[in-house]
N, C-alpha and C. Protein backbone atom coordinates (compact mmCIF):
# COMPACT_ATOMS: atom_id res chain seq x y z
N UNK A 1 12.30 -21.68 2.65
CA UNK A 1 11.28 -21.00 3.25
C UNK A 1 12.05 -19.29 3.02
N UNK A 2 11.62 -18.35 2.05
CA UNK A 2 11.71 -17.02 2.40
C UNK A 2 11.72 -16.28 2.34
N UNK A 3 11.65 -14.83 3.58
CA UNK A 3 11.42 -14.19 3.73
C UNK A 3 10.56 -13.28 2.83
N UNK A 4 9.50 -12.44 3.96
CA UNK A 4 9.04 -11.67 2.32
C UNK A 4 9.91 -10.02 2.63
N UNK A 5 10.08 -9.12 1.39
CA UNK A 5 10.54 -8.25 2.08
C UNK A 5 9.69 -7.59 2.62
N UNK A 6 10.21 -5.97 2.72
CA UNK A 6 9.73 -4.94 4.05
C UNK A 6 7.72 -4.69 2.82
N UNK A 7 8.38 -4.47 1.82
CA UNK A 7 7.67 -4.01 0.94
C UNK A 7 6.69 -4.37 0.86
N UNK A 8 6.92 -6.11 0.92
CA UNK A 8 6.26 -7.19 0.09
C UNK A 8 5.32 -7.48 1.46
N UNK A 9 5.63 -7.15 2.37
CA UNK A 9 5.17 -7.23 3.27
C UNK A 9 3.64 -6.21 4.43
N UNK A 10 4.50 -4.83 3.22
CA UNK A 10 3.71 -3.80 3.56
C UNK A 10 3.14 -3.88 2.09
N UNK A 11 1.60 -3.91 1.74
CA UNK A 11 1.54 -3.43 0.46
C UNK A 11 0.81 -2.41 0.31
N UNK A 12 0.65 -1.23 1.20
CA UNK A 12 -0.51 -0.08 0.98
C UNK A 12 1.58 1.05 1.31
N UNK A 13 2.06 0.60 1.70
CA UNK A 13 3.77 1.25 1.53
C UNK A 13 3.66 1.35 -0.18
N UNK A 14 4.15 0.15 -0.77
CA UNK A 14 4.92 0.69 -1.76
C UNK A 14 4.23 0.39 -3.46
N UNK A 15 2.37 1.05 -2.78
CA UNK A 15 1.46 0.81 -4.20
C UNK A 15 1.57 2.47 -4.38
N UNK A 16 2.08 2.89 -3.34
CA UNK A 16 2.31 4.57 -2.20
C UNK A 16 4.05 4.85 -3.30
N UNK A 17 4.62 4.37 -3.50
CA UNK A 17 5.92 4.93 -4.26
C UNK A 17 5.43 5.39 -5.62
N UNK A 18 6.24 5.98 -5.92
CA UNK A 18 6.46 6.54 -7.28
C UNK A 18 7.76 5.77 -8.11
N UNK A 19 7.76 6.06 -9.45
CA UNK A 19 7.93 4.82 -9.82
C UNK A 19 9.57 5.74 -10.36
N UNK A 20 10.39 4.58 -10.26
CA UNK A 20 11.52 5.19 -10.08
C UNK A 20 12.21 6.08 -11.23
N UNK A 21 12.87 7.07 -11.27
CA UNK A 21 13.52 7.95 -12.65
C UNK A 21 14.21 6.98 -13.31
N UNK A 22 14.28 7.30 -14.89
CA UNK A 22 15.16 6.34 -15.59
C UNK A 22 15.74 7.00 -16.96
N UNK A 23 15.21 8.34 -16.91
CA UNK A 23 15.83 9.19 -17.98
C UNK A 23 16.81 10.01 -17.16
N UNK A 24 18.34 10.18 -18.79
CA UNK A 24 18.92 11.10 -18.15
C UNK A 24 19.00 12.06 -17.94
N UNK A 25 19.11 12.86 -16.61
CA UNK A 25 19.02 14.46 -16.51
C UNK A 25 20.51 14.79 -16.59
N UNK A 26 20.50 16.27 -15.95
CA UNK A 26 21.78 17.26 -16.04
C UNK A 26 22.58 16.67 -14.93
N UNK A 27 23.17 16.75 -14.09
CA UNK A 27 23.92 16.95 -12.76
C UNK A 27 23.29 17.41 -11.96
N UNK A 28 23.20 19.02 -12.98
CA UNK A 28 22.81 20.12 -11.50
C UNK A 28 21.07 19.94 -10.62
N UNK A 29 20.51 19.27 -12.06
CA UNK A 29 18.91 18.63 -11.36
C UNK A 29 18.61 17.55 -10.84
N UNK A 30 19.73 17.15 -10.68
CA UNK A 30 19.74 15.70 -9.76
C UNK A 30 20.28 16.12 -8.63
N UNK A 31 20.96 17.45 -8.51
CA UNK A 31 21.20 17.75 -7.24
C UNK A 31 19.91 18.49 -6.58
N UNK A 32 19.41 19.06 -7.71
CA UNK A 32 19.05 20.45 -6.74
C UNK A 32 17.37 18.88 -6.16
N UNK A 33 17.08 18.20 -6.98
CA UNK A 33 15.97 16.87 -6.58
C UNK A 33 16.86 16.17 -5.04
N UNK A 34 17.91 16.40 -5.18
CA UNK A 34 18.81 15.70 -3.60
C UNK A 34 18.37 16.46 -2.29
N UNK A 35 18.90 16.96 -3.18
CA UNK A 35 18.09 18.50 -1.73
C UNK A 35 16.79 19.45 -1.27
N UNK A 36 15.95 19.05 -2.53
CA UNK A 36 14.44 18.89 -2.29
C UNK A 36 14.50 17.85 -0.97
N UNK A 37 14.62 16.30 -1.62
CA UNK A 37 14.58 15.22 -0.68
C UNK A 37 15.43 15.36 0.27
N UNK A 38 16.00 15.50 0.46
CA UNK A 38 16.44 15.60 1.98
C UNK A 38 16.07 16.24 3.50
N UNK A 39 15.94 15.52 4.08
CA UNK A 39 15.54 16.16 5.59
C UNK A 39 16.45 15.60 6.08
N UNK A 40 15.75 17.15 7.02
CA UNK A 40 17.20 17.04 8.54
C UNK A 40 16.31 16.58 10.03
N UNK A 41 16.72 15.59 9.94
CA UNK A 41 16.82 14.67 11.90
C UNK A 41 17.04 15.04 12.64
N UNK A 42 16.65 15.38 13.79
CA UNK A 42 17.59 15.80 15.34
C UNK A 42 17.44 14.55 15.80
């Protein structure tokens, strides 16, 4: 018996996720996106 993954056990969280980014992007654009997505945790 396999256990469900976290996302399988919480479908309302899975439904809110964005679609993956699959197109080619410039390195600068990827860096900018990563910087915008970063969070500082104290």
